Amino acid sequence: MKDLEPIVVSTSVDNEDAARSIAELVLGKRLAACVHIHPPMTSLYWWKGEIASDSEYLLSMKSDRNLFNRLVEAIRSVHPYEVPEIIATDVVDVDREYSAWMREELDHG
């Protein structure tokens, strides 16, 4: 098995049901060890030549770089947006016990 390369993957959606659906899917497939669903926030962004503004839920998924492509596929399969944000951030360091727990919970098969 490859060494754990922890990442935090984020995406945002427009409603709590969609957020829970994504969270349950990626947890069920063992592509994330933990998912935080952050309360609604205001997002401002460029869309089709104009600045748009929406209320969104942010998901933060703790995963492994080796699972990123599978995680992206799973998110895209249920994400309601035409162009979903799916961004991975490298984790510089992680507590040894948390890292061991993540390794146990993720599908490296």
PDB file of N, CA and C in Angstrom:
ATOM      1  N   MET A   1       0.827  -1.181   0.000  1.00  0.00           N
ATOM      2  CA  MET A   1       0.000   0.000   0.000  1.00  0.00           C
ATOM      3  C   MET A   1       0.876   1.251   0.000  1.00  0.00           C
ATOM      4  N   LYS A   2       0.469   2.240  -0.791  1.00  0.00           N
ATOM      5  CA  LYS A   2       1.201   3.501  -0.848  1.00  0.00           C
ATOM      6  C   LYS A   2       1.048   4.250   0.462  1.00  0.00           C
ATOM      7  N   ASP A   3       2.029   5.123   0.743  1.00  0.00           N
ATOM      8  CA  ASP A   3       1.930   5.974   1.924  1.00  0.00           C
ATOM      9  C   ASP A   3       0.757   6.926   1.766  1.00  0.00           C
ATOM     10  N   LEU A   4       0.137   7.265   2.875  1.00  0.00           N
ATOM     11  CA  LEU A   4      -0.953   8.225   2.874  1.00  0.00           C
ATOM     12  C   LEU A   4      -0.417   9.601   2.477  1.00  0.00           C
ATOM     13  N   GLU A   5      -1.068  10.229   1.508  1.00  0.00           N
ATOM     14  CA  GLU A   5      -0.764  11.598   1.097  1.00  0.00           C
ATOM     15  C   GLU A   5      -2.025  12.420   1.343  1.00  0.00           C
ATOM     16  N   PRO A   6      -2.209  12.895   2.578  1.00  0.00           N
ATOM     17  CA  PRO A   6      -3.473  13.534   2.929  1.00  0.00           C
ATOM     18  C   PRO A   6      -3.742  14.822   2.154  1.00  0.00           C
ATOM     19  N   ILE A   7      -5.005  14.959   1.758  1.00  0.00           N
ATOM     20  CA  ILE A   7      -5.483  16.163   1.081  1.00  0.00           C
ATOM     21  C   ILE A   7      -6.849  16.518   1.669  1.00  0.00           C
ATOM     22  N   VAL A   8      -7.225  17.765   1.496  1.00  0.00           N
ATOM     23  CA  VAL A   8      -8.578  18.204   1.797  1.00  0.00           C
ATOM     24  C   VAL A   8      -9.174  18.640   0.464  1.00  0.00           C
ATOM     25  N   VAL A   9     -10.280  18.019   0.090  1.00  0.00           N
ATOM     26  CA  VAL A   9     -10.946  18.326  -1.170  1.00  0.00           C
ATOM     27  C   VAL A   9     -12.201  19.122  -0.852  1.00  0.00           C
ATOM     28  N   SER A  10     -12.375  20.232  -1.549  1.00  0.00           N
ATOM     29  CA  SER A  10     -13.551  21.059  -1.309  1.00  0.00           C
ATOM     30  C   SER A  10     -14.427  21.149  -2.544  1.00  0.00           C
ATOM     31  N   THR A  11     -15.710  21.271  -2.288  1.00  0.00           N
ATOM     32  CA  THR A  11     -16.694  21.554  -3.316  1.00  0.00           C
ATOM     33  C   THR A  11     -17.820  22.315  -2.634  1.00  0.00           C
ATOM     34  N   SER A  12     -18.633  22.980  -3.419  1.00  0.00           N
ATOM     35  CA  SER A  12     -19.763  23.709  -2.840  1.00  0.00           C
ATOM     36  C   SER A  12     -21.019  23.411  -3.646  1.00  0.00           C
ATOM     37  N   VAL A  13     -22.163  23.461  -2.957  1.00  0.00           N
ATOM     38  CA  VAL A  13     -23.459  23.203  -3.580  1.00  0.00           C
ATOM     39  C   VAL A  13     -24.480  24.195  -3.034  1.00  0.00           C
ATOM     40  N   ASP A  14     -25.626  24.269  -3.700  1.00  0.00           N
ATOM     41  CA  ASP A  14     -26.607  25.288  -3.352  1.00  0.00           C
ATOM     42  C   ASP A  14     -27.626  24.883  -2.293  1.00  0.00           C
ATOM     43  N   ASN A  15     -27.600  23.622  -1.832  1.00  0.00           N
ATOM     44  CA  ASN A  15     -28.559  23.237  -0.803  1.00  0.00           C
ATOM     45  C   ASN A  15     -28.005  22.110   0.066  1.00  0.00           C
ATOM     46  N   GLU A  16     -28.568  21.991   1.262  1.00  0.00           N
ATOM     47  CA  GLU A  16     -28.065  21.021   2.225  1.00  0.00           C
ATOM     48  C   GLU A  16     -28.289  19.580   1.778  1.00  0.00           C
ATOM     49  N   ASP A  17     -29.399  19.307   1.094  1.00  0.00           N
ATOM     50  CA  ASP A  17     -29.648  17.941   0.621  1.00  0.00           C
ATOM     51  C   ASP A  17     -28.565  17.487  -0.354  1.00  0.00           C
ATOM     52  N   ALA A  18     -28.155  18.365  -1.265  1.00  0.00           N
ATOM     53  CA  ALA A  18     -27.086  18.028  -2.213  1.00  0.00           C
ATOM     54  C   ALA A  18     -25.776  17.816  -1.472  1.00  0.00           C
ATOM     55  N   ALA A  19     -25.513  18.634  -0.458  1.00  0.00           N
ATOM     56  CA  ALA A  19     -24.288  18.485   0.332  1.00  0.00           C
ATOM     57  C   ALA A  19     -24.268  17.129   1.032  1.00  0.00           C
ATOM     58  N   ARG A  20     -25.386  16.761   1.656  1.00  0.00           N
ATOM     59  CA  ARG A  20     -25.470  15.472   2.346  1.00  0.00           C
ATOM     60  C   ARG A  20     -25.351  14.307   1.364  1.00  0.00           C
ATOM     61  N   SER A  21     -25.939  14.450   0.197  1.00  0.00           N
ATOM     62  CA  SER A  21     -25.867  13.399  -0.821  1.00  0.00           C
ATOM     63  C   SER A  21     -24.422  13.135  -1.234  1.00  0.00           C
ATOM     64  N   ILE A  22     -23.669  14.196  -1.483  1.00  0.00           N
ATOM     65  CA  ILE A  22     -22.263  14.054  -1.848  1.00  0.00           C
ATOM     66  C   ILE A  22     -21.485  13.441  -0.687  1.00  0.00           C
ATOM     67  N   ALA A  23     -21.708  13.958   0.520  1.00  0.00           N
ATOM     68  CA  ALA A  23     -20.990  13.455   1.699  1.00  0.00           C
ATOM     69  C   ALA A  23     -21.243  11.966   1.905  1.00  0.00           C
ATOM     70  N   GLU A  24     -22.496  11.558   1.849  1.00  0.00           N
ATOM     71  CA  GLU A  24     -22.832  10.150   2.060  1.00  0.00           C
ATOM     72  C   GLU A  24     -22.253   9.259   0.967  1.00  0.00           C
ATOM     73  N   LEU A  25     -22.248   9.753  -0.276  1.00  0.00           N
ATOM     74  CA  LEU A  25     -21.689   8.971  -1.381  1.00  0.00           C
ATOM     75  C   LEU A  25     -20.192   8.734  -1.198  1.00  0.00           C
ATOM     76  N   VAL A  26     -19.431   9.802  -0.952  1.00  0.00           N
ATOM     77  CA  VAL A  26     -17.971   9.642  -0.864  1.00  0.00           C
ATOM     78  C   VAL A  26     -17.562   8.886   0.395  1.00  0.00           C
ATOM     79  N   LEU A  27     -18.330   9.037   1.475  1.00  0.00           N
ATOM     80  CA  LEU A  27     -18.051   8.251   2.675  1.00  0.00           C
ATOM     81  C   LEU A  27     -18.391   6.782   2.433  1.00  0.00           C
ATOM     82  N   GLY A  28     -19.518   6.535   1.788  1.00  0.00           N
ATOM     83  CA  GLY A  28     -19.934   5.168   1.498  1.00  0.00           C
ATOM     84  C   GLY A  28     -18.947   4.425   0.614  1.00  0.00           C
ATOM     85  N   LYS A  29     -18.308   5.144  -0.296  1.00  0.00           N
ATOM     86  CA  LYS A  29     -17.307   4.537  -1.181  1.00  0.00           C
ATOM     87  C   LYS A  29     -15.914   4.531  -0.558  1.00  0.00           C
ATOM     88  N   ARG A  30     -15.798   5.044   0.675  1.00  0.00           N
ATOM     89  CA  ARG A  30     -14.517   5.125   1.395  1.00  0.00           C
ATOM     90  C   ARG A  30     -13.489   5.973   0.647  1.00  0.00           C
ATOM     91  N   LEU A  31     -13.983   7.023  -0.033  1.00  0.00           N
ATOM     92  CA  LEU A  31     -13.099   7.944  -0.746  1.00  0.00           C
ATOM     93  C   LEU A  31     -12.749   9.153   0.120  1.00  0.00           C
ATOM     94  N   ALA A  32     -13.451   9.299   1.221  1.00  0.00           N
ATOM     95  CA  ALA A  32     -13.156  10.326   2.220  1.00  0.00           C
ATOM     96  C   ALA A  32     -13.325   9.681   3.589  1.00  0.00           C
ATOM     97  N   ALA A  33     -12.463  10.073   4.505  1.00  0.00           N
ATOM     98  CA  ALA A  33     -12.559   9.557   5.873  1.00  0.00           C
ATOM     99  C   ALA A  33     -13.509  10.405   6.705  1.00  0.00           C
ATOM    100  N   CYS A  34     -13.669  11.664   6.317  1.00  0.00           N
ATOM    101  CA  CYS A  34     -14.496  12.608   7.063  1.00  0.00           C
ATOM    102  C   CYS A  34     -14.933  13.701   6.098  1.00  0.00           C
ATOM    103  N   VAL A  35     -16.158  14.175   6.261  1.00  0.00           N
ATOM    104  CA  VAL A  35     -16.648  15.295   5.459  1.00  0.00           C
ATOM    105  C   VAL A  35     -17.278  16.311   6.401  1.00  0.00           C
ATOM    106  N   HIS A  36     -16.814  17.539   6.323  1.00  0.00           N
ATOM    107  CA  HIS A  36     -17.458  18.635   7.048  1.00  0.00           C
ATOM    108  C   HIS A  36     -18.363  19.361   6.068  1.00  0.00           C
ATOM    109  N   ILE A  37     -19.582  19.618   6.504  1.00  0.00           N
ATOM    110  CA  ILE A  37     -20.504  20.450   5.731  1.00  0.00           C
ATOM    111  C   ILE A  37     -20.621  21.767   6.489  1.00  0.00           C
ATOM    112  N   HIS A  38     -20.082  22.809   5.901  1.00  0.00           N
ATOM    113  CA  HIS A  38     -20.078  24.121   6.523  1.00  0.00           C
ATOM    114  C   HIS A  38     -21.418  24.814   6.262  1.00  0.00           C
ATOM    115  N   PRO A  39     -21.880  25.629   7.200  1.00  0.00           N
ATOM    116  CA  PRO A  39     -23.175  26.299   7.040  1.00  0.00           C
ATOM    117  C   PRO A  39     -23.182  27.220   5.823  1.00  0.00           C
ATOM    118  N   PRO A  40     -24.367  27.597   5.417  1.00  0.00           N
ATOM    119  CA  PRO A  40     -24.465  28.442   4.218  1.00  0.00           C
ATOM    120  C   PRO A  40     -23.593  29.690   4.323  1.00  0.00           C
ATOM    121  N   MET A  41     -23.019  30.020   3.199  1.00  0.00           N
ATOM    122  CA  MET A  41     -22.174  31.206   3.083  1.00  0.00           C
ATOM    123  C   MET A  41     -22.550  31.880   1.768  1.00  0.00           C
ATOM    124  N   THR A  42     -22.103  33.088   1.586  1.00  0.00           N
ATOM    125  CA  THR A  42     -22.342  33.782   0.327  1.00  0.00           C
ATOM    126  C   THR A  42     -21.122  33.614  -0.565  1.00  0.00           C
ATOM    127  N   SER A  43     -21.346  33.139  -1.778  1.00  0.00           N
ATOM    128  CA  SER A  43     -20.281  32.998  -2.763  1.00  0.00           C
ATOM    129  C   SER A  43     -20.484  34.016  -3.873  1.00  0.00           C
ATOM    130  N   LEU A  44     -19.410  34.698  -4.229  1.00  0.00           N
ATOM    131  CA  LEU A  44     -19.400  35.612  -5.368  1.00  0.00           C
ATOM    132  C   LEU A  44     -18.402  35.061  -6.364  1.00  0.00           C
ATOM    133  N   TYR A  45     -18.774  35.017  -7.645  1.00  0.00           N
ATOM    134  CA  TYR A  45     -17.904  34.400  -8.636  1.00  0.00           C
ATOM    135  C   TYR A  45     -18.300  34.858 -10.043  1.00  0.00           C
ATOM    136  N   TRP A  46     -17.351  34.686 -10.953  1.00  0.00           N
ATOM    137  CA  TRP A  46     -17.639  34.989 -12.346  1.00  0.00           C
ATOM    138  C   TRP A  46     -18.379  33.810 -12.971  1.00  0.00           C
ATOM    139  N   TRP A  47     -19.479  34.090 -13.699  1.00  0.00           N
ATOM    140  CA  TRP A  47     -20.194  33.041 -14.404  1.00  0.00           C
ATOM    141  C   TRP A  47     -20.801  33.632 -15.662  1.00  0.00           C
ATOM    142  N   LYS A  48     -20.366  33.106 -16.806  1.00  0.00           N
ATOM    143  CA  LYS A  48     -20.869  33.515 -18.113  1.00  0.00           C
ATOM    144  C   LYS A  48     -20.795  35.030 -18.315  1.00  0.00           C
ATOM    145  N   GLY A  49     -19.622  35.578 -17.948  1.00  0.00           N
ATOM    146  CA  GLY A  49     -19.337  36.979 -18.208  1.00  0.00           C
ATOM    147  C   GLY A  49     -19.869  37.972 -17.202  1.00  0.00           C
ATOM    148  N   GLU A  50     -20.499  37.464 -16.128  1.00  0.00           N
ATOM    149  CA  GLU A  50     -21.045  38.363 -15.124  1.00  0.00           C
ATOM    150  C   GLU A  50     -20.660  37.871 -13.728  1.00  0.00           C
ATOM    151  N   ILE A  51     -20.686  38.787 -12.780  1.00  0.00           N
ATOM    152  CA  ILE A  51     -20.466  38.399 -11.391  1.00  0.00           C
ATOM    153  C   ILE A  51     -21.791  37.897 -10.835  1.00  0.00           C
ATOM    154  N   ALA A  52     -21.777  36.675 -10.311  1.00  0.00           N
ATOM    155  CA  ALA A  52     -22.965  36.053  -9.730  1.00  0.00           C
ATOM    156  C   ALA A  52     -22.783  35.935  -8.227  1.00  0.00           C
ATOM    157  N   SER A  53     -23.879  35.775  -7.525  1.00  0.00           N
ATOM    158  CA  SER A  53     -23.847  35.639  -6.074  1.00  0.00           C
ATOM    159  C   SER A  53     -24.895  34.608  -5.663  1.00  0.00           C
ATOM    160  N   ASP A  54     -24.480  33.656  -4.836  1.00  0.00           N
ATOM    161  CA  ASP A  54     -25.392  32.616  -4.371  1.00  0.00           C
ATOM    162  C   ASP A  54     -25.068  32.239  -2.940  1.00  0.00           C
ATOM    163  N   SER A  55     -26.035  31.651  -2.280  1.00  0.00           N
ATOM    164  CA  SER A  55     -25.826  31.045  -0.976  1.00  0.00           C
ATOM    165  C   SER A  55     -25.419  29.592  -1.227  1.00  0.00           C
ATOM    166  N   GLU A  56     -24.328  29.149  -0.600  1.00  0.00           N
ATOM    167  CA  GLU A  56     -23.833  27.792  -0.835  1.00  0.00           C
ATOM    168  C   GLU A  56     -23.367  27.146   0.464  1.00  0.00           C
ATOM    169  N   TYR A  57     -23.368  25.807   0.439  1.00  0.00           N
ATOM    170  CA  TYR A  57     -22.775  24.994   1.491  1.00  0.00           C
ATOM    171  C   TYR A  57     -21.413  24.529   0.997  1.00  0.00           C
ATOM    172  N   LEU A  58     -20.391  24.626   1.829  1.00  0.00           N
ATOM    173  CA  LEU A  58     -19.047  24.183   1.480  1.00  0.00           C
ATOM    174  C   LEU A  58     -18.791  22.825   2.121  1.00  0.00           C
ATOM    175  N   LEU A  59     -18.317  21.873   1.337  1.00  0.00           N
ATOM    176  CA  LEU A  59     -17.917  20.567   1.845  1.00  0.00           C
ATOM    177  C   LEU A  59     -16.407  20.494   1.878  1.00  0.00           C
ATOM    178  N   SER A  60     -15.850  20.033   2.997  1.00  0.00           N
ATOM    179  CA  SER A  60     -14.412  19.787   3.150  1.00  0.00           C
ATOM    180  C   SER A  60     -14.234  18.303   3.415  1.00  0.00           C
ATOM    181  N   MET A  61     -13.610  17.613   2.460  1.00  0.00           N
ATOM    182  CA  MET A  61     -13.471  16.158   2.532  1.00  0.00           C
ATOM    183  C   MET A  61     -12.023  15.776   2.786  1.00  0.00           C
ATOM    184  N   LYS A  62     -11.782  15.005   3.849  1.00  0.00           N
ATOM    185  CA  LYS A  62     -10.431  14.550   4.165  1.00  0.00           C
ATOM    186  C   LYS A  62     -10.181  13.250   3.422  1.00  0.00           C
ATOM    187  N   SER A  63      -9.158  13.247   2.573  1.00  0.00           N
ATOM    188  CA  SER A  63      -8.910  12.095   1.715  1.00  0.00           C
ATOM    189  C   SER A  63      -7.416  11.903   1.491  1.00  0.00           C
ATOM    190  N   ASP A  64      -7.098  11.168   0.439  1.00  0.00           N
ATOM    191  CA  ASP A  64      -5.731  10.822   0.075  1.00  0.00           C
ATOM    192  C   ASP A  64      -5.531  11.171  -1.395  1.00  0.00           C
ATOM    193  N   ARG A  65      -4.417  11.775  -1.703  1.00  0.00           N
ATOM    194  CA  ARG A  65      -4.123  12.156  -3.091  1.00  0.00           C
ATOM    195  C   ARG A  65      -4.301  10.970  -4.054  1.00  0.00           C
ATOM    196  N   ASN A  66      -3.971   9.769  -3.589  1.00  0.00           N
ATOM    197  CA  ASN A  66      -4.093   8.570  -4.432  1.00  0.00           C
ATOM    198  C   ASN A  66      -5.542   8.249  -4.781  1.00  0.00           C
ATOM    199  N   LEU A  67      -6.498   8.836  -4.086  1.00  0.00           N
ATOM    200  CA  LEU A  67      -7.921   8.597  -4.340  1.00  0.00           C
ATOM    201  C   LEU A  67      -8.582   9.768  -5.065  1.00  0.00           C
ATOM    202  N   PHE A  68      -7.824  10.814  -5.374  1.00  0.00           N
ATOM    203  CA  PHE A  68      -8.408  12.039  -5.911  1.00  0.00           C
ATOM    204  C   PHE A  68      -9.236  11.806  -7.170  1.00  0.00           C
ATOM    205  N   ASN A  69      -8.717  11.091  -8.155  1.00  0.00           N
ATOM    206  CA  ASN A  69      -9.461  10.900  -9.403  1.00  0.00           C
ATOM    207  C   ASN A  69     -10.778  10.171  -9.180  1.00  0.00           C
ATOM    208  N   ARG A  70     -10.781   9.170  -8.314  1.00  0.00           N
ATOM    209  CA  ARG A  70     -12.013   8.448  -7.999  1.00  0.00           C
ATOM    210  C   ARG A  70     -12.986   9.349  -7.240  1.00  0.00           C
ATOM    211  N   LEU A  71     -12.452  10.180  -6.371  1.00  0.00           N
ATOM    212  CA  LEU A  71     -13.276  11.119  -5.612  1.00  0.00           C
ATOM    213  C   LEU A  71     -13.939  12.118  -6.556  1.00  0.00           C
ATOM    214  N   VAL A  72     -13.196  12.643  -7.506  1.00  0.00           N
ATOM    215  CA  VAL A  72     -13.744  13.578  -8.496  1.00  0.00           C
ATOM    216  C   VAL A  72     -14.886  12.914  -9.272  1.00  0.00           C
ATOM    217  N   GLU A  73     -14.680  11.689  -9.732  1.00  0.00           N
ATOM    218  CA  GLU A  73     -15.730  10.976 -10.478  1.00  0.00           C
ATOM    219  C   GLU A  73     -16.993  10.830  -9.648  1.00  0.00           C
ATOM    220  N   ALA A  74     -16.831  10.463  -8.384  1.00  0.00           N
ATOM    221  CA  ALA A  74     -17.987  10.284  -7.507  1.00  0.00           C
ATOM    222  C   ALA A  74     -18.722  11.604  -7.303  1.00  0.00           C
ATOM    223  N   ILE A  75     -17.984  12.669  -7.040  1.00  0.00           N
ATOM    224  CA  ILE A  75     -18.611  13.979  -6.829  1.00  0.00           C
ATOM    225  C   ILE A  75     -19.363  14.409  -8.082  1.00  0.00           C
ATOM    226  N   ARG A  76     -18.714  14.313  -9.235  1.00  0.00           N
ATOM    227  CA  ARG A  76     -19.343  14.723 -10.498  1.00  0.00           C
ATOM    228  C   ARG A  76     -20.616  13.926 -10.794  1.00  0.00           C
ATOM    229  N   SER A  77     -20.653  12.667 -10.365  1.00  0.00           N
ATOM    230  CA  SER A  77     -21.801  11.808 -10.687  1.00  0.00           C
ATOM    231  C   SER A  77     -23.103  12.296 -10.041  1.00  0.00           C
ATOM    232  N   VAL A  78     -23.011  13.089  -8.960  1.00  0.00           N
ATOM    233  CA  VAL A  78     -24.225  13.567  -8.284  1.00  0.00           C
ATOM    234  C   VAL A  78     -24.260  15.083  -8.104  1.00  0.00           C
ATOM    235  N   HIS A  79     -23.210  15.779  -8.489  1.00  0.00           N
ATOM    236  CA  HIS A  79     -23.143  17.229  -8.268  1.00  0.00           C
ATOM    237  C   HIS A  79     -24.138  17.943  -9.179  1.00  0.00           C
ATOM    238  N   PRO A  80     -24.904  18.893  -8.631  1.00  0.00           N
ATOM    239  CA  PRO A  80     -25.928  19.566  -9.434  1.00  0.00           C
ATOM    240  C   PRO A  80     -25.411  20.672 -10.365  1.00  0.00           C
ATOM    241  N   TYR A  81     -24.145  21.074 -10.246  1.00  0.00           N
ATOM    242  CA  TYR A  81     -23.651  22.206 -11.031  1.00  0.00           C
ATOM    243  C   TYR A  81     -23.101  21.765 -12.379  1.00  0.00           C
ATOM    244  N   GLU A  82     -23.202  22.664 -13.342  1.00  0.00           N
ATOM    245  CA  GLU A  82     -22.639  22.436 -14.671  1.00  0.00           C
ATOM    246  C   GLU A  82     -21.115  22.320 -14.594  1.00  0.00           C
ATOM    247  N   VAL A  83     -20.481  23.192 -13.826  1.00  0.00           N
ATOM    248  CA  VAL A  83     -19.029  23.178 -13.628  1.00  0.00           C
ATOM    249  C   VAL A  83     -18.762  23.241 -12.123  1.00  0.00           C
ATOM    250  N   PRO A  84     -18.728  22.086 -11.460  1.00  0.00           N
ATOM    251  CA  PRO A  84     -18.511  22.112 -10.012  1.00  0.00           C
ATOM    252  C   PRO A  84     -17.074  22.444  -9.638  1.00  0.00           C
ATOM    253  N   GLU A  85     -16.952  23.156  -8.533  1.00  0.00           N
ATOM    254  CA  GLU A  85     -15.635  23.386  -7.935  1.00  0.00           C
ATOM    255  C   GLU A  85     -15.225  22.082  -7.271  1.00  0.00           C
ATOM    256  N   ILE A  86     -14.090  21.537  -7.659  1.00  0.00           N
ATOM    257  CA  ILE A  86     -13.515  20.380  -6.976  1.00  0.00           C
ATOM    258  C   ILE A  86     -12.027  20.671  -6.861  1.00  0.00           C
ATOM    259  N   ILE A  87     -11.608  21.089  -5.655  1.00  0.00           N
ATOM    260  CA  ILE A  87     -10.244  21.557  -5.441  1.00  0.00           C
ATOM    261  C   ILE A  87      -9.597  20.760  -4.318  1.00  0.00           C
ATOM    262  N   ALA A  88      -8.391  20.267  -4.577  1.00  0.00           N
ATOM    263  CA  ALA A  88      -7.636  19.551  -3.542  1.00  0.00           C
ATOM    264  C   ALA A  88      -6.535  20.454  -3.003  1.00  0.00           C
ATOM    265  N   THR A  89      -6.389  20.438  -1.696  1.00  0.00           N
ATOM    266  CA  THR A  89      -5.327  21.176  -1.017  1.00  0.00           C
ATOM    267  C   THR A  89      -4.460  20.174  -0.281  1.00  0.00           C
ATOM    268  N   ASP A  90      -3.149  20.230  -0.514  1.00  0.00           N
ATOM    269  CA  ASP A  90      -2.230  19.345   0.196  1.00  0.00           C
ATOM    270  C   ASP A  90      -2.224  19.658   1.681  1.00  0.00           C
ATOM    271  N   VAL A  91      -2.138  18.627   2.485  1.00  0.00           N
ATOM    272  CA  VAL A  91      -1.983  18.784   3.928  1.00  0.00           C
ATOM    273  C   VAL A  91      -0.491  18.696   4.215  1.00  0.00           C
ATOM    274  N   VAL A  92       0.065  19.732   4.805  1.00  0.00           N
ATOM    275  CA  VAL A  92       1.500  19.808   5.051  1.00  0.00           C
ATOM    276  C   VAL A  92       1.932  18.789   6.100  1.00  0.00           C
ATOM    277  N   ASP A  93       1.132  18.632   7.123  1.00  0.00           N
ATOM    278  CA  ASP A  93       1.455  17.680   8.181  1.00  0.00           C
ATOM    279  C   ASP A  93       0.156  17.254   8.829  1.00  0.00           C
ATOM    280  N   VAL A  94       0.173  16.099   9.468  1.00  0.00           N
ATOM    281  CA  VAL A  94      -1.027  15.588  10.124  1.00  0.00           C
ATOM    282  C   VAL A  94      -0.611  14.788  11.356  1.00  0.00           C
ATOM    283  N   ASP A  95      -1.417  14.874  12.387  1.00  0.00           N
ATOM    284  CA  ASP A  95      -1.174  14.115  13.604  1.00  0.00           C
ATOM    285  C   ASP A  95      -1.076  12.619  13.274  1.00  0.00           C
ATOM    286  N   ARG A  96      -0.132  11.955  13.896  1.00  0.00           N
ATOM    287  CA  ARG A  96       0.132  10.533  13.628  1.00  0.00           C
ATOM    288  C   ARG A  96      -1.109   9.670  13.847  1.00  0.00           C
ATOM    289  N   GLU A  97      -1.834   9.898  14.939  1.00  0.00           N
ATOM    290  CA  GLU A  97      -3.024   9.095  15.224  1.00  0.00           C
ATOM    291  C   GLU A  97      -4.146   9.364  14.223  1.00  0.00           C
ATOM    292  N   TYR A  98      -4.316  10.612  13.852  1.00  0.00           N
ATOM    293  CA  TYR A  98      -5.348  10.946  12.867  1.00  0.00           C
ATOM    294  C   TYR A  98      -4.990  10.335  11.509  1.00  0.00           C
ATOM    295  N   SER A  99      -3.727  10.390  11.151  1.00  0.00           N
ATOM    296  CA  SER A  99      -3.254   9.798   9.906  1.00  0.00           C
ATOM    297  C   SER A  99      -3.523   8.291   9.884  1.00  0.00           C
ATOM    298  N   ALA A 100      -3.248   7.617  10.992  1.00  0.00           N
ATOM    299  CA  ALA A 100      -3.497   6.172  11.074  1.00  0.00           C
ATOM    300  C   ALA A 100      -4.985   5.886  10.930  1.00  0.00           C
ATOM    301  N   TRP A 101      -5.815   6.710  11.571  1.00  0.00           N
ATOM    302  CA  TRP A 101      -7.265   6.537  11.457  1.00  0.00           C
ATOM    303  C   TRP A 101      -7.720   6.734  10.009  1.00  0.00           C
ATOM    304  N   MET A 102      -7.222   7.779   9.336  1.00  0.00           N
ATOM    305  CA  MET A 102      -7.572   8.021   7.950  1.00  0.00           C
ATOM    306  C   MET A 102      -7.205   6.832   7.077  1.00  0.00           C
ATOM    307  N   ARG A 103      -6.004   6.317   7.253  1.00  0.00           N
ATOM    308  CA  ARG A 103      -5.524   5.182   6.460  1.00  0.00           C
ATOM    309  C   ARG A 103      -6.469   3.989   6.607  1.00  0.00           C
ATOM    310  N   GLU A 104      -6.950   3.746   7.829  1.00  0.00           N
ATOM    311  CA  GLU A 104      -7.863   2.625   8.084  1.00  0.00           C
ATOM    312  C   GLU A 104      -9.223   2.828   7.408  1.00  0.00           C
ATOM    313  N   GLU A 105      -9.676   4.068   7.326  1.00  0.00           N
ATOM    314  CA  GLU A 105     -11.024   4.350   6.839  1.00  0.00           C
ATOM    315  C   GLU A 105     -11.129   4.516   5.329  1.00  0.00           C
ATOM    316  N   LEU A 106     -10.015   4.734   4.649  1.00  0.00           N
ATOM    317  CA  LEU A 106     -10.042   4.974   3.204  1.00  0.00           C
ATOM    318  C   LEU A 106      -9.830   3.685   2.423  1.00  0.00           C
ATOM    319  N   ASP A 107     -10.422   3.637   1.215  1.00  0.00           N
ATOM    320  CA  ASP A 107     -10.335   2.464   0.344  1.00  0.00           C
ATOM    321  C   ASP A 107      -9.084   2.564  -0.514  1.00  0.00           C
ATOM    322  N   HIS A 108      -8.082   1.811  -0.150  1.00  0.00           N
ATOM    323  CA  HIS A 108      -6.851   1.774  -0.944  1.00  0.00           C
ATOM    324  C   HIS A 108      -6.758   0.494  -1.756  1.00  0.00           C
ATOM    325  N   GLY A 109      -7.878  -0.210  -1.869  1.00  0.00           N
ATOM    326  CA  GLY A 109      -7.910  -1.490  -2.556  1.00  0.00           C
ATOM    327  C   GLY A 109      -7.814  -1.352  -4.019  1.00  0.00           C
TER     328      GLY A 109
END
